[in-house]
Amino acid sequence: MKFLLLPLLSILLLTLSCSGNDTEQEPTTLSQTKHFNPPAWIKGKWIFRDSPTGQDFKFTNDDFITENKSFNDMINQSKDKTNVIAIENEYSSNENYKFKITTRSKTSNYYDEQTYSFFKKNDTLMMRVPDMLGLLYYVKVKE
């Protein structure tokens, strides 16, 4: 009986120790960040270089504003409605600012995400890398 117990314990330990890696599973909920944390170099208003009437961006201490829409306001308003809007994967450095905005419906399978990547060229020029449009350049303007 002693000889059977040792192999059974070995097999049991091997089975338990070889279970899958739980950290590789996709998260089931979105992490909700309450506001943006942009680096100092990007704070201010930026306009599309090739068209003064094109899309512009404004970064404040804790917000991202585009087309006169405050994403912080949208996040706060979405808490009690049918869509959940969250900021994810925010990364910033002295030359780069990247984040993803996700929208998920509480009542259907609707899910959308948009990633923004900005790279500092100098104090008044940055480039954005949108998904399939190539590089877009933005100029910092005084408000």
Protein backbone atom coordinates (compact mmCIF):
# COMPACT_ATOMS: atom_id res chain seq x y z
CA MET A 1 0.00 0.00 0.00
CA LYS A 2 2.92 2.35 0.77
CA PHE A 3 4.23 1.83 -2.75
CA LEU A 4 0.91 2.88 -4.33
CA LEU A 5 0.53 5.98 -2.18
CA LEU A 6 3.78 7.63 -3.34
CA PRO A 7 3.01 7.45 -7.10
CA LEU A 8 -0.56 8.64 -6.52
CA LEU A 9 0.66 11.65 -4.52
CA SER A 10 3.24 12.44 -7.21
CA ILE A 11 0.61 12.38 -9.94
CA LEU A 12 -1.72 14.54 -7.87
CA LEU A 13 0.99 17.15 -7.21
CA LEU A 14 2.03 17.18 -10.85
CA THR A 15 -1.56 17.68 -11.99
CA LEU A 16 -2.18 20.56 -9.58
CA SER A 17 1.10 22.32 -10.32
CA CYS A 18 0.61 22.18 -14.10
CA SER A 19 -2.72 23.95 -14.25
CA GLY A 20 -3.09 26.82 -16.72
CA ASN A 21 -1.72 30.30 -16.16
CA ASP A 22 -4.61 32.38 -14.85
CA THR A 23 -2.86 35.68 -15.63
CA GLU A 24 -3.19 35.12 -19.39
CA GLN A 25 -6.98 35.14 -19.33
CA GLU A 26 -8.70 38.24 -20.64
CA PRO A 27 -10.25 40.45 -17.98
CA THR A 28 -13.99 40.17 -17.62
CA THR A 29 -14.48 43.79 -16.56
CA LEU A 30 -13.04 47.06 -17.76
CA SER A 31 -10.78 48.91 -15.39
CA GLN A 32 -12.36 52.30 -14.87
CA THR A 33 -10.02 55.26 -14.66
CA LYS A 34 -11.74 58.43 -13.52
CA HIS A 35 -9.57 60.91 -15.39
CA PHE A 36 -6.65 61.27 -17.75
CA ASN A 37 -3.07 61.88 -16.62
CA PRO A 38 -1.39 63.54 -19.61
CA PRO A 39 2.30 64.49 -19.44
CA ALA A 40 3.21 68.18 -19.13
CA TRP A 41 4.47 68.50 -22.71
CA ILE A 42 1.08 67.69 -24.27
CA LYS A 43 -1.11 69.93 -22.11
CA GLY A 44 -2.75 72.68 -24.15
CA LYS A 45 -4.58 72.98 -27.47
CA TRP A 46 -3.36 71.26 -30.65
CA ILE A 47 -4.72 71.75 -34.19
CA PHE A 48 -4.26 69.61 -37.28
CA ARG A 49 -1.32 71.15 -39.15
CA ASP A 50 -2.61 70.65 -42.69
CA SER A 51 -6.06 72.10 -42.03
CA PRO A 52 -6.73 74.78 -39.40
CA THR A 53 -10.40 73.77 -39.44
CA GLY A 54 -9.65 70.05 -38.94
CA GLN A 55 -9.95 68.03 -35.77
CA ASP A 56 -8.25 69.55 -32.79
CA PHE A 57 -7.39 68.25 -29.34
CA LYS A 58 -7.09 69.86 -25.97
CA PHE A 59 -5.38 68.28 -22.98
CA THR A 60 -5.85 69.60 -19.46
CA ASN A 61 -4.44 68.33 -16.17
CA ASP A 62 -7.03 65.55 -16.08
CA ASP A 63 -9.05 65.58 -19.31
CA PHE A 64 -8.94 64.96 -23.06
CA ILE A 65 -11.23 67.18 -25.14
CA THR A 66 -11.93 66.70 -28.83
CA GLU A 67 -14.61 68.37 -30.95
CA ASN A 68 -15.76 70.20 -27.80
CA LYS A 69 -16.45 66.87 -26.05
CA SER A 70 -14.89 66.29 -22.66
CA PHE A 71 -14.14 62.61 -22.23
CA ASN A 72 -14.21 63.00 -18.44
CA ASP A 73 -17.78 64.30 -18.70
CA MET A 74 -18.69 61.36 -20.95
CA ILE A 75 -17.15 58.88 -18.48
CA ASN A 76 -18.97 60.40 -15.52
CA GLN A 77 -22.30 60.56 -17.38
CA SER A 78 -22.00 56.95 -18.54
CA LYS A 79 -21.90 55.47 -15.05
CA ASP A 80 -25.68 55.38 -14.69
CA LYS A 81 -26.61 54.87 -18.34
CA THR A 82 -26.43 51.98 -20.78
CA ASN A 83 -22.79 52.43 -21.88
CA VAL A 84 -19.66 52.19 -19.79
CA ILE A 85 -16.77 54.34 -21.01
CA ALA A 86 -13.31 53.72 -19.57
CA ILE A 87 -9.71 54.81 -20.05
CA GLU A 88 -7.33 51.88 -20.37
CA ASN A 89 -3.66 51.23 -21.05
CA GLU A 90 -2.63 54.84 -20.41
CA TYR A 91 1.10 55.34 -20.97
CA SER A 92 3.09 58.57 -20.88
CA SER A 93 6.72 59.62 -21.14
CA ASN A 94 8.72 62.70 -22.10
CA GLU A 95 8.02 61.99 -25.78
CA ASN A 96 4.95 59.75 -25.93
CA TYR A 97 1.36 59.70 -24.69
CA LYS A 98 -0.89 56.75 -25.46
CA PHE A 99 -4.26 55.61 -24.15
CA LYS A 100 -7.29 53.59 -25.17
CA ILE A 101 -10.91 54.64 -24.71
CA THR A 102 -13.34 51.73 -24.56
CA THR A 103 -17.11 51.84 -24.69
CA ARG A 104 -19.13 48.83 -23.64
CA SER A 105 -22.89 48.51 -23.51
CA LYS A 106 -24.48 47.29 -20.29
CA THR A 107 -27.49 45.95 -22.19
CA SER A 108 -26.15 44.51 -25.46
CA ASN A 109 -23.01 43.09 -27.07
CA TYR A 110 -21.86 46.53 -28.31
CA TYR A 111 -18.16 47.12 -27.71
CA ASP A 112 -15.90 49.79 -29.21
CA GLU A 113 -12.37 50.92 -28.57
CA GLN A 114 -10.21 53.70 -29.91
CA THR A 115 -6.50 54.03 -29.27
CA TYR A 116 -4.76 57.39 -29.36
CA SER A 117 -0.97 57.60 -29.77
CA PHE A 118 0.84 60.93 -29.71
CA PHE A 119 4.57 61.50 -30.18
CA LYS A 120 6.35 64.75 -29.37
CA LYS A 121 8.53 66.12 -32.19
CA ASN A 122 9.34 69.42 -30.42
CA ASP A 123 7.61 71.83 -28.04
CA THR A 124 5.06 72.96 -30.66
CA LEU A 125 4.77 69.95 -32.98
CA MET A 126 3.51 66.44 -32.31
CA MET A 127 2.40 63.57 -34.49
CA ARG A 128 -0.51 61.22 -34.03
CA VAL A 129 -0.49 57.67 -35.31
CA PRO A 130 -4.12 56.79 -36.10
CA ASP A 131 -5.04 53.26 -37.04
CA MET A 132 -4.79 53.29 -40.85
CA LEU A 133 -4.35 56.90 -41.92
CA GLY A 134 -0.59 57.25 -41.58
CA LEU A 135 1.00 60.04 -39.56
CA LEU A 136 -0.94 63.19 -38.74
CA TYR A 137 0.88 66.29 -37.49
CA TYR A 138 -0.54 68.73 -34.94
CA VAL A 139 0.67 72.19 -33.97
CA LYS A 140 0.34 73.60 -30.47
CA VAL A 141 -1.53 76.92 -30.37
CA LYS A 142 -2.12 79.53 -27.70
CA GLU A 143 -5.62 79.65 -26.31
